[in-house]
Structures are given as structure tokens and as C-alpha cells.
């Protein structure tokens, strides 16, 4: 436990707090409804499920071909996040 960087521990906490404050603000001051929040959470859950399925099917093959190269793994996980989470959110918003 001594070698864990504090940023890796604090980053998810800060992200969740910031996002929660924005959702509360938009719900009270703007036209962000509970239905929109529910649809957003459903889309996010679908993106995470799609990432889990994709990684289950492709991760071992990717690592066997590329190896444990951190740059390649970052691109592998980053591309999934961009296309599935961000792209999915865009499709739901449109």
C-alpha cells in the first residue's frame, strides 16, 4: 500500500464528486430531467457491458500478438473508451 500514487487514488473520487455536482446543478437550474439521467446511465452501462464483452473476446489475443507494451495497451483501452463510451453517448444524445 505504500507505493500507491495518491493521484491514482484521488482521481476517481474527484471525478465522481465533480460529475455529481454538475448533475445536481443541471437538475435544479436547467432542464436536465431524471429521465435524461436515467437514459444516460443506461447508455453508460451499455457501453461498459460492450467493453467487457469486447475485452473478454480480444484481450488475450491482443496481448499475445503485441505483448505488455504500455503504449499499445493504452491505445487498446483508449480506443474502446472513445468509440464505445463517448461514441455511444453521442449516439444517445443525437
PDB file of N, CA and C in Angstrom:
ATOM      1  N   UNK A   1       0.807  -1.196   0.000  1.00  0.00           N
ATOM      2  CA  UNK A   1       0.000   0.000   0.000  1.00  0.00           C
ATOM      3  C   UNK A   1       0.851   1.260   0.000  1.00  0.00           C
ATOM      4  N   UNK A   2       2.093   1.155   0.333  1.00  0.00           N
ATOM      5  CA  UNK A   2       2.931   2.339   0.460  1.00  0.00           C
ATOM      6  C   UNK A   2       3.329   2.917  -0.891  1.00  0.00           C
ATOM      7  N   UNK A   3       3.326   2.125  -1.937  1.00  0.00           N
ATOM      8  CA  UNK A   3       3.790   2.612  -3.217  1.00  0.00           C
ATOM      9  C   UNK A   3       2.679   3.096  -4.141  1.00  0.00           C
ATOM     10  N   UNK A   4       1.478   3.291  -3.648  1.00  0.00           N
ATOM     11  CA  UNK A   4       0.369   3.760  -4.466  1.00  0.00           C
ATOM     12  C   UNK A   4       0.428   5.279  -4.558  1.00  0.00           C
ATOM     13  N   UNK A   5       0.423   5.769  -5.793  1.00  0.00           N
ATOM     14  CA  UNK A   5       0.430   7.203  -6.022  1.00  0.00           C
ATOM     15  C   UNK A   5      -0.935   7.776  -5.615  1.00  0.00           C
ATOM     16  N   UNK A   6      -0.920   8.877  -4.910  1.00  0.00           N
ATOM     17  CA  UNK A   6      -2.161   9.484  -4.422  1.00  0.00           C
ATOM     18  C   UNK A   6      -3.076   9.908  -5.565  1.00  0.00           C
ATOM     19  N   UNK A   7      -2.515  10.258  -6.710  1.00  0.00           N
ATOM     20  CA  UNK A   7      -3.343  10.666  -7.845  1.00  0.00           C
ATOM     21  C   UNK A   7      -4.209   9.522  -8.349  1.00  0.00           C
ATOM     22  N   UNK A   8      -3.687   8.309  -8.340  1.00  0.00           N
ATOM     23  CA  UNK A   8      -4.479   7.162  -8.765  1.00  0.00           C
ATOM     24  C   UNK A   8      -5.628   6.895  -7.806  1.00  0.00           C
ATOM     25  N   UNK A   9      -5.461   7.247  -6.568  1.00  0.00           N
ATOM     26  CA  UNK A   9      -6.498   7.054  -5.565  1.00  0.00           C
ATOM     27  C   UNK A   9      -7.524   8.191  -5.603  1.00  0.00           C
ATOM     28  N   UNK A  10      -7.051   9.419  -5.774  1.00  0.00           N
ATOM     29  CA  UNK A  10      -7.930  10.578  -5.705  1.00  0.00           C
ATOM     30  C   UNK A  10      -8.671  10.871  -7.006  1.00  0.00           C
ATOM     31  N   UNK A  11      -8.123  10.501  -8.136  1.00  0.00           N
ATOM     32  CA  UNK A  11      -8.732  10.850  -9.418  1.00  0.00           C
ATOM     33  C   UNK A  11     -10.169  10.348  -9.550  1.00  0.00           C
ATOM     34  N   UNK A  12     -10.493   9.091  -9.246  1.00  0.00           N
ATOM     35  CA  UNK A  12     -11.897   8.678  -9.351  1.00  0.00           C
ATOM     36  C   UNK A  12     -12.808   9.410  -8.365  1.00  0.00           C
ATOM     37  N   UNK A  13     -12.309   9.698  -7.186  1.00  0.00           N
ATOM     38  CA  UNK A  13     -13.117  10.416  -6.191  1.00  0.00           C
ATOM     39  C   UNK A  13     -13.436  11.822  -6.678  1.00  0.00           C
ATOM     40  N   UNK A  14     -12.444  12.515  -7.197  1.00  0.00           N
ATOM     41  CA  UNK A  14     -12.650  13.876  -7.708  1.00  0.00           C
ATOM     42  C   UNK A  14     -13.595  13.859  -8.910  1.00  0.00           C
ATOM     43  N   UNK A  15     -13.436  12.891  -9.796  1.00  0.00           N
ATOM     44  CA  UNK A  15     -14.298  12.794 -10.973  1.00  0.00           C
ATOM     45  C   UNK A  15     -15.748  12.547 -10.577  1.00  0.00           C
ATOM     46  N   UNK A  16     -15.971  11.640  -9.652  1.00  0.00           N
ATOM     47  CA  UNK A  16     -17.335  11.353  -9.201  1.00  0.00           C
ATOM     48  C   UNK A  16     -17.943  12.567  -8.508  1.00  0.00           C
ATOM     49  N   UNK A  17     -17.180  13.234  -7.664  1.00  0.00           N
ATOM     50  CA  UNK A  17     -17.687  14.428  -6.971  1.00  0.00           C
ATOM     51  C   UNK A  17     -18.026  15.526  -7.963  1.00  0.00           C
ATOM     52  N   UNK A  18     -17.136  15.798  -8.917  1.00  0.00           N
ATOM     53  CA  UNK A  18     -17.369  16.839  -9.914  1.00  0.00           C
ATOM     54  C   UNK A  18     -18.604  16.514 -10.751  1.00  0.00           C
ATOM     55  N   UNK A  19     -18.720  15.271 -11.190  1.00  0.00           N
ATOM     56  CA  UNK A  19     -19.866  14.869 -12.003  1.00  0.00           C
ATOM     57  C   UNK A  19     -21.168  14.956 -11.210  1.00  0.00           C
ATOM     58  N   UNK A  20     -21.119  14.557  -9.951  1.00  0.00           N
ATOM     59  CA  UNK A  20     -22.330  14.628  -9.116  1.00  0.00           C
ATOM     60  C   UNK A  20     -22.795  16.057  -8.924  1.00  0.00           C
ATOM     61  N   UNK A  21     -21.863  16.959  -8.701  1.00  0.00           N
ATOM     62  CA  UNK A  21     -22.220  18.373  -8.537  1.00  0.00           C
ATOM     63  C   UNK A  21     -22.843  18.908  -9.823  1.00  0.00           C
ATOM     64  N   UNK A  22     -22.295  18.557 -10.969  1.00  0.00           N
ATOM     65  CA  UNK A  22     -22.863  19.006 -12.240  1.00  0.00           C
ATOM     66  C   UNK A  22     -24.268  18.466 -12.459  1.00  0.00           C
ATOM     67  N   UNK A  23     -24.488  17.195 -12.145  1.00  0.00           N
ATOM     68  CA  UNK A  23     -25.818  16.610 -12.322  1.00  0.00           C
ATOM     69  C   UNK A  23     -26.827  17.300 -11.404  1.00  0.00           C
ATOM     70  N   UNK A  24     -26.453  17.533 -10.166  1.00  0.00           N
ATOM     71  CA  UNK A  24     -27.348  18.226  -9.232  1.00  0.00           C
ATOM     72  C   UNK A  24     -27.641  19.646  -9.716  1.00  0.00           C
ATOM     73  N   UNK A  25     -26.608  20.348 -10.176  1.00  0.00           N
ATOM     74  CA  UNK A  25     -26.802  21.716 -10.680  1.00  0.00           C
ATOM     75  C   UNK A  25     -27.736  21.718 -11.889  1.00  0.00           C
ATOM     76  N   UNK A  26     -27.465  20.841 -12.877  1.00  0.00           N
ATOM     77  CA  UNK A  26     -28.297  20.817 -14.067  1.00  0.00           C
ATOM     78  C   UNK A  26     -29.728  20.424 -13.743  1.00  0.00           C
ATOM     79  N   UNK A  27     -29.911  19.559 -12.770  1.00  0.00           N
ATOM     80  CA  UNK A  27     -31.257  19.134 -12.400  1.00  0.00           C
ATOM     81  C   UNK A  27     -32.033  20.284 -11.757  1.00  0.00           C
ATOM     82  N   UNK A  28     -31.367  21.113 -10.980  1.00  0.00           N
ATOM     83  CA  UNK A  28     -32.057  22.205 -10.276  1.00  0.00           C
ATOM     84  C   UNK A  28     -32.186  23.468 -11.113  1.00  0.00           C
ATOM     85  N   UNK A  29     -31.180  23.810 -11.884  1.00  0.00           N
ATOM     86  CA  UNK A  29     -31.159  25.094 -12.582  1.00  0.00           C
ATOM     87  C   UNK A  29     -31.497  25.005 -14.062  1.00  0.00           C
ATOM     88  N   UNK A  30     -31.364  23.860 -14.655  1.00  0.00           N
ATOM     89  CA  UNK A  30     -31.587  23.710 -16.092  1.00  0.00           C
ATOM     90  C   UNK A  30     -32.696  22.692 -16.335  1.00  0.00           C
ATOM     91  N   UNK A  31     -32.801  22.252 -17.556  1.00  0.00           N
ATOM     92  CA  UNK A  31     -33.861  21.308 -17.902  1.00  0.00           C
ATOM     93  C   UNK A  31     -33.348  19.874 -18.002  1.00  0.00           C
ATOM     94  N   UNK A  32     -32.459  19.514 -17.109  1.00  0.00           N
ATOM     95  CA  UNK A  32     -31.915  18.150 -17.064  1.00  0.00           C
ATOM     96  C   UNK A  32     -32.848  17.309 -16.206  1.00  0.00           C
ATOM     97  N   UNK A  33     -33.622  16.452 -16.837  1.00  0.00           N
ATOM     98  CA  UNK A  33     -34.646  15.699 -16.120  1.00  0.00           C
ATOM     99  C   UNK A  33     -34.105  14.365 -15.610  1.00  0.00           C
ATOM    100  N   UNK A  34     -34.866  13.759 -14.755  1.00  0.00           N
ATOM    101  CA  UNK A  34     -34.496  12.433 -14.251  1.00  0.00           C
ATOM    102  C   UNK A  34     -34.525  11.403 -15.368  1.00  0.00           C
ATOM    103  N   UNK A  35     -35.404  11.581 -16.349  1.00  0.00           N
ATOM    104  CA  UNK A  35     -35.455  10.665 -17.491  1.00  0.00           C
ATOM    105  C   UNK A  35     -34.157  10.753 -18.303  1.00  0.00           C
ATOM    106  N   UNK A  36     -33.645  11.956 -18.486  1.00  0.00           N
ATOM    107  CA  UNK A  36     -32.382  12.127 -19.210  1.00  0.00           C
ATOM    108  C   UNK A  36     -31.239  11.480 -18.437  1.00  0.00           C
ATOM    109  N   UNK A  37     -31.257  11.633 -17.120  1.00  0.00           N
ATOM    110  CA  UNK A  37     -30.228  11.000 -16.296  1.00  0.00           C
ATOM    111  C   UNK A  37     -30.319   9.483 -16.392  1.00  0.00           C
ATOM    112  N   UNK A  38     -31.529   8.954 -16.331  1.00  0.00           N
ATOM    113  CA  UNK A  38     -31.710   7.510 -16.447  1.00  0.00           C
ATOM    114  C   UNK A  38     -31.253   6.975 -17.791  1.00  0.00           C
ATOM    115  N   UNK A  39     -31.577   7.697 -18.864  1.00  0.00           N
ATOM    116  CA  UNK A  39     -31.147   7.288 -20.199  1.00  0.00           C
ATOM    117  C   UNK A  39     -29.627   7.351 -20.321  1.00  0.00           C
ATOM    118  N   UNK A  40     -29.022   8.371 -19.732  1.00  0.00           N
ATOM    119  CA  UNK A  40     -27.561   8.495 -19.749  1.00  0.00           C
ATOM    120  C   UNK A  40     -26.905   7.344 -19.001  1.00  0.00           C
ATOM    121  N   UNK A  41     -27.436   7.010 -17.842  1.00  0.00           N
ATOM    122  CA  UNK A  41     -26.876   5.904 -17.068  1.00  0.00           C
ATOM    123  C   UNK A  41     -27.059   4.571 -17.781  1.00  0.00           C
ATOM    124  N   UNK A  42     -28.177   4.403 -18.451  1.00  0.00           N
ATOM    125  CA  UNK A  42     -28.421   3.190 -19.217  1.00  0.00           C
ATOM    126  C   UNK A  42     -27.432   3.083 -20.387  1.00  0.00           C
ATOM    127  N   UNK A  43     -27.200   4.193 -21.074  1.00  0.00           N
ATOM    128  CA  UNK A  43     -26.232   4.195 -22.177  1.00  0.00           C
ATOM    129  C   UNK A  43     -24.823   3.909 -21.667  1.00  0.00           C
ATOM    130  N   UNK A  44     -24.479   4.481 -20.525  1.00  0.00           N
ATOM    131  CA  UNK A  44     -23.161   4.238 -19.945  1.00  0.00           C
ATOM    132  C   UNK A  44     -23.006   2.775 -19.552  1.00  0.00           C
ATOM    133  N   UNK A  45     -24.030   2.200 -18.932  1.00  0.00           N
ATOM    134  CA  UNK A  45     -23.982   0.788 -18.559  1.00  0.00           C
ATOM    135  C   UNK A  45     -23.853  -0.095 -19.797  1.00  0.00           C
ATOM    136  N   UNK A  46     -24.536   0.270 -20.870  1.00  0.00           N
ATOM    137  CA  UNK A  46     -24.410  -0.479 -22.116  1.00  0.00           C
ATOM    138  C   UNK A  46     -23.008  -0.404 -22.695  1.00  0.00           C
ATOM    139  N   UNK A  47     -22.386   0.777 -22.608  1.00  0.00           N
ATOM    140  CA  UNK A  47     -21.017   0.938 -23.103  1.00  0.00           C
ATOM    141  C   UNK A  47     -20.038   0.114 -22.276  1.00  0.00           C
ATOM    142  N   UNK A  48     -20.208   0.112 -20.972  1.00  0.00           N
ATOM    143  CA  UNK A  48     -19.330  -0.684 -20.105  1.00  0.00           C
ATOM    144  C   UNK A  48     -19.516  -2.173 -20.390  1.00  0.00           C
ATOM    145  N   UNK A  49     -20.763  -2.594 -20.570  1.00  0.00           N
ATOM    146  CA  UNK A  49     -21.021  -4.003 -20.896  1.00  0.00           C
ATOM    147  C   UNK A  49     -20.381  -4.369 -22.233  1.00  0.00           C
ATOM    148  N   UNK A  50     -20.468  -3.477 -23.212  1.00  0.00           N
ATOM    149  CA  UNK A  50     -19.853  -3.724 -24.512  1.00  0.00           C
ATOM    150  C   UNK A  50     -18.336  -3.813 -24.389  1.00  0.00           C
ATOM    151  N   UNK A  51     -17.738  -2.962 -23.546  1.00  0.00           N
ATOM    152  CA  UNK A  51     -16.293  -3.023 -23.340  1.00  0.00           C
ATOM    153  C   UNK A  51     -15.885  -4.333 -22.676  1.00  0.00           C
ATOM    154  N   UNK A  52     -16.661  -4.780 -21.712  1.00  0.00           N
ATOM    155  CA  UNK A  52     -16.354  -6.039 -21.035  1.00  0.00           C
ATOM    156  C   UNK A  52     -16.412  -7.200 -22.029  1.00  0.00           C
ATOM    157  N   UNK A  53     -17.440  -7.217 -22.852  1.00  0.00           N
ATOM    158  CA  UNK A  53     -17.573  -8.283 -23.852  1.00  0.00           C
ATOM    159  C   UNK A  53     -16.420  -8.224 -24.856  1.00  0.00           C
ATOM    160  N   UNK A  54     -16.128  -7.032 -25.354  1.00  0.00           N
ATOM    161  CA  UNK A  54     -15.039  -6.873 -26.324  1.00  0.00           C
ATOM    162  C   UNK A  54     -13.702  -7.292 -25.738  1.00  0.00           C
ATOM    163  N   UNK A  55     -13.430  -6.877 -24.506  1.00  0.00           N
ATOM    164  CA  UNK A  55     -12.164  -7.242 -23.873  1.00  0.00           C
ATOM    165  C   UNK A  55     -12.090  -8.733 -23.579  1.00  0.00           C
ATOM    166  N   UNK A  56     -13.197  -9.334 -23.218  1.00  0.00           N
ATOM    167  CA  UNK A  56     -13.217 -10.772 -22.981  1.00  0.00           C
ATOM    168  C   UNK A  56     -12.864 -11.529 -24.260  1.00  0.00           C
ATOM    169  N   UNK A  57     -13.333 -11.033 -25.378  1.00  0.00           N
ATOM    170  CA  UNK A  57     -13.100 -11.713 -26.651  1.00  0.00           C
ATOM    171  C   UNK A  57     -11.741 -11.400 -27.276  1.00  0.00           C
ATOM    172  N   UNK A  58     -11.160 -10.223 -26.983  1.00  0.00           N
ATOM    173  CA  UNK A  58      -9.980  -9.798 -27.733  1.00  0.00           C
ATOM    174  C   UNK A  58      -8.723  -9.562 -26.908  1.00  0.00           C
ATOM    175  N   UNK A  59      -8.812  -9.433 -25.600  1.00  0.00           N
ATOM    176  CA  UNK A  59      -7.649  -9.017 -24.808  1.00  0.00           C
ATOM    177  C   UNK A  59      -6.500 -10.029 -24.874  1.00  0.00           C
ATOM    178  N   UNK A  60      -6.792 -11.291 -24.671  1.00  0.00           N
ATOM    179  CA  UNK A  60      -5.709 -12.278 -24.648  1.00  0.00           C
ATOM    180  C   UNK A  60      -5.024 -12.368 -26.009  1.00  0.00           C
ATOM    181  N   UNK A  61      -5.794 -12.286 -27.074  1.00  0.00           N
ATOM    182  CA  UNK A  61      -5.210 -12.301 -28.419  1.00  0.00           C
ATOM    183  C   UNK A  61      -4.358 -11.051 -28.652  1.00  0.00           C
ATOM    184  N   UNK A  62      -4.840  -9.910 -28.201  1.00  0.00           N
ATOM    185  CA  UNK A  62      -4.087  -8.663 -28.354  1.00  0.00           C
ATOM    186  C   UNK A  62      -2.754  -8.744 -27.621  1.00  0.00           C
ATOM    187  N   UNK A  63      -2.779  -9.205 -26.374  1.00  0.00           N
ATOM    188  CA  UNK A  63      -1.551  -9.303 -25.581  1.00  0.00           C
ATOM    189  C   UNK A  63      -0.602 -10.345 -26.171  1.00  0.00           C
ATOM    190  N   UNK A  64      -1.126 -11.435 -26.703  1.00  0.00           N
ATOM    191  CA  UNK A  64      -0.241 -12.449 -27.282  1.00  0.00           C
ATOM    192  C   UNK A  64       0.444 -11.936 -28.546  1.00  0.00           C
ATOM    193  N   UNK A  65      -0.205 -11.047 -29.281  1.00  0.00           N
ATOM    194  CA  UNK A  65       0.407 -10.505 -30.500  1.00  0.00           C
ATOM    195  C   UNK A  65       1.295  -9.295 -30.216  1.00  0.00           C
ATOM    196  N   UNK A  66       0.853  -8.414 -29.344  1.00  0.00           N
ATOM    197  CA  UNK A  66       1.560  -7.152 -29.098  1.00  0.00           C
ATOM    198  C   UNK A  66       2.472  -7.232 -27.884  1.00  0.00           C
ATOM    199  N   UNK A  67       2.066  -7.971 -26.867  1.00  0.00           N
ATOM    200  CA  UNK A  67       2.827  -8.038 -25.626  1.00  0.00           C
ATOM    201  C   UNK A  67       2.277  -7.051 -24.611  1.00  0.00           C
ATOM    202  N   UNK A  68       3.037  -6.844 -23.555  1.00  0.00           N
ATOM    203  CA  UNK A  68       2.602  -5.947 -22.478  1.00  0.00           C
ATOM    204  C   UNK A  68       3.121  -4.529 -22.668  1.00  0.00           C
ATOM    205  N   UNK A  69       3.182  -4.074 -23.891  1.00  0.00           N
ATOM    206  CA  UNK A  69       3.626  -2.718 -24.194  1.00  0.00           C
ATOM    207  C   UNK A  69       2.598  -1.720 -23.647  1.00  0.00           C
ATOM    208  N   UNK A  70       2.989  -0.840 -22.714  1.00  0.00           N
ATOM    209  CA  UNK A  70       2.013   0.075 -22.119  1.00  0.00           C
ATOM    210  C   UNK A  70       1.400   1.047 -23.129  1.00  0.00           C
ATOM    211  N   UNK A  71       2.142   1.438 -24.139  1.00  0.00           N
ATOM    212  CA  UNK A  71       1.598   2.349 -25.157  1.00  0.00           C
ATOM    213  C   UNK A  71       0.518   1.643 -25.965  1.00  0.00           C
ATOM    214  N   UNK A  72       0.799   0.418 -26.375  1.00  0.00           N
ATOM    215  CA  UNK A  72      -0.187  -0.340 -27.150  1.00  0.00           C
ATOM    216  C   UNK A  72      -1.424  -0.644 -26.309  1.00  0.00           C
ATOM    217  N   UNK A  73      -1.215  -1.012 -25.050  1.00  0.00           N
ATOM    218  CA  UNK A  73      -2.369  -1.270 -24.180  1.00  0.00           C
ATOM    219  C   UNK A  73      -3.175   0.000 -23.941  1.00  0.00           C
ATOM    220  N   UNK A  74      -2.491   1.135 -23.801  1.00  0.00           N
ATOM    221  CA  UNK A  74      -3.198   2.410 -23.647  1.00  0.00           C
ATOM    222  C   UNK A  74      -4.037   2.732 -24.868  1.00  0.00           C
ATOM    223  N   UNK A  75      -3.491   2.484 -26.046  1.00  0.00           N
ATOM    224  CA  UNK A  75      -4.255   2.707 -27.280  1.00  0.00           C
ATOM    225  C   UNK A  75      -5.427   1.735 -27.377  1.00  0.00           C
ATOM    226  N   UNK A  76      -5.208   0.497 -26.960  1.00  0.00           N
ATOM    227  CA  UNK A  76      -6.262  -0.528 -26.986  1.00  0.00           C
ATOM    228  C   UNK A  76      -7.438  -0.125 -26.092  1.00  0.00           C
ATOM    229  N   UNK A  77      -7.134   0.233 -24.852  1.00  0.00           N
ATOM    230  CA  UNK A  77      -8.203   0.627 -23.924  1.00  0.00           C
ATOM    231  C   UNK A  77      -8.772   2.001 -24.279  1.00  0.00           C
ATOM    232  N   UNK A  78      -7.920   2.915 -24.719  1.00  0.00           N
ATOM    233  CA  UNK A  78      -8.384   4.256 -25.076  1.00  0.00           C
ATOM    234  C   UNK A  78      -9.322   4.244 -26.265  1.00  0.00           C
ATOM    235  N   UNK A  79      -9.012   3.447 -27.280  1.00  0.00           N
ATOM    236  CA  UNK A  79      -9.885   3.370 -28.454  1.00  0.00           C
ATOM    237  C   UNK A  79     -11.253   2.808 -28.072  1.00  0.00           C
ATOM    238  N   UNK A  80     -11.259   1.837 -27.178  1.00  0.00           N
ATOM    239  CA  UNK A  80     -12.544   1.300 -26.725  1.00  0.00           C
ATOM    240  C   UNK A  80     -13.355   2.370 -26.003  1.00  0.00           C
ATOM    241  N   UNK A  81     -12.692   3.137 -25.161  1.00  0.00           N
ATOM    242  CA  UNK A  81     -13.384   4.193 -24.431  1.00  0.00           C
ATOM    243  C   UNK A  81     -13.937   5.244 -25.386  1.00  0.00           C
ATOM    244  N   UNK A  82     -13.127   5.648 -26.352  1.00  0.00           N
ATOM    245  CA  UNK A  82     -13.567   6.679 -27.301  1.00  0.00           C
ATOM    246  C   UNK A  82     -14.758   6.202 -28.104  1.00  0.00           C
ATOM    247  N   UNK A  83     -14.657   5.020 -28.680  1.00  0.00           N
ATOM    248  CA  UNK A  83     -15.718   4.572 -29.573  1.00  0.00           C
ATOM    249  C   UNK A  83     -16.959   4.085 -28.843  1.00  0.00           C
ATOM    250  N   UNK A  84     -16.793   3.376 -27.745  1.00  0.00           N
ATOM    251  CA  UNK A  84     -17.948   2.805 -27.073  1.00  0.00           C
ATOM    252  C   UNK A  84     -18.600   3.769 -26.090  1.00  0.00           C
ATOM    253  N   UNK A  85     -17.814   4.394 -25.221  1.00  0.00           N
ATOM    254  CA  UNK A  85     -18.407   5.286 -24.222  1.00  0.00           C
ATOM    255  C   UNK A  85     -18.758   6.641 -24.825  1.00  0.00           C
ATOM    256  N   UNK A  86     -17.776   7.304 -25.399  1.00  0.00           N
ATOM    257  CA  UNK A  86     -18.022   8.646 -25.939  1.00  0.00           C
ATOM    258  C   UNK A  86     -18.899   8.569 -27.191  1.00  0.00           C
ATOM    259  N   UNK A  87     -18.581   7.641 -28.088  1.00  0.00           N
ATOM    260  CA  UNK A  87     -19.390   7.484 -29.288  1.00  0.00           C
ATOM    261  C   UNK A  87     -20.811   7.065 -28.961  1.00  0.00           C
ATOM    262  N   UNK A  88     -20.940   6.154 -28.013  1.00  0.00           N
ATOM    263  CA  UNK A  88     -22.290   5.741 -27.593  1.00  0.00           C
ATOM    264  C   UNK A  88     -23.077   6.871 -26.962  1.00  0.00           C
ATOM    265  N   UNK A  89     -22.398   7.680 -26.147  1.00  0.00           N
ATOM    266  CA  UNK A  89     -23.070   8.837 -25.541  1.00  0.00           C
ATOM    267  C   UNK A  89     -23.524   9.820 -26.621  1.00  0.00           C
ATOM    268  N   UNK A  90     -22.697   9.991 -27.640  1.00  0.00           N
ATOM    269  CA  UNK A  90     -23.067  10.889 -28.740  1.00  0.00           C
ATOM    270  C   UNK A  90     -24.296  10.353 -29.469  1.00  0.00           C
ATOM    271  N   UNK A  91     -24.306   9.065 -29.741  1.00  0.00           N
ATOM    272  CA  UNK A  91     -25.460   8.491 -30.444  1.00  0.00           C
ATOM    273  C   UNK A  91     -26.729   8.591 -29.626  1.00  0.00           C
ATOM    274  N   UNK A  92     -26.624   8.415 -28.313  1.00  0.00           N
ATOM    275  CA  UNK A  92     -27.808   8.545 -27.461  1.00  0.00           C
ATOM    276  C   UNK A  92     -28.271   9.999 -27.419  1.00  0.00           C
ATOM    277  N   UNK A  93     -27.318  10.938 -27.392  1.00  0.00           N
ATOM    278  CA  UNK A  93     -27.677  12.363 -27.318  1.00  0.00           C
ATOM    279  C   UNK A  93     -28.308  12.866 -28.595  1.00  0.00           C
ATOM    280  N   UNK A  94     -27.903  12.285 -29.720  1.00  0.00           N
ATOM    281  CA  UNK A  94     -28.435  12.742 -31.021  1.00  0.00           C
ATOM    282  C   UNK A  94     -29.798  12.157 -31.185  1.00  0.00           C
TER     283      UNK A  94
END
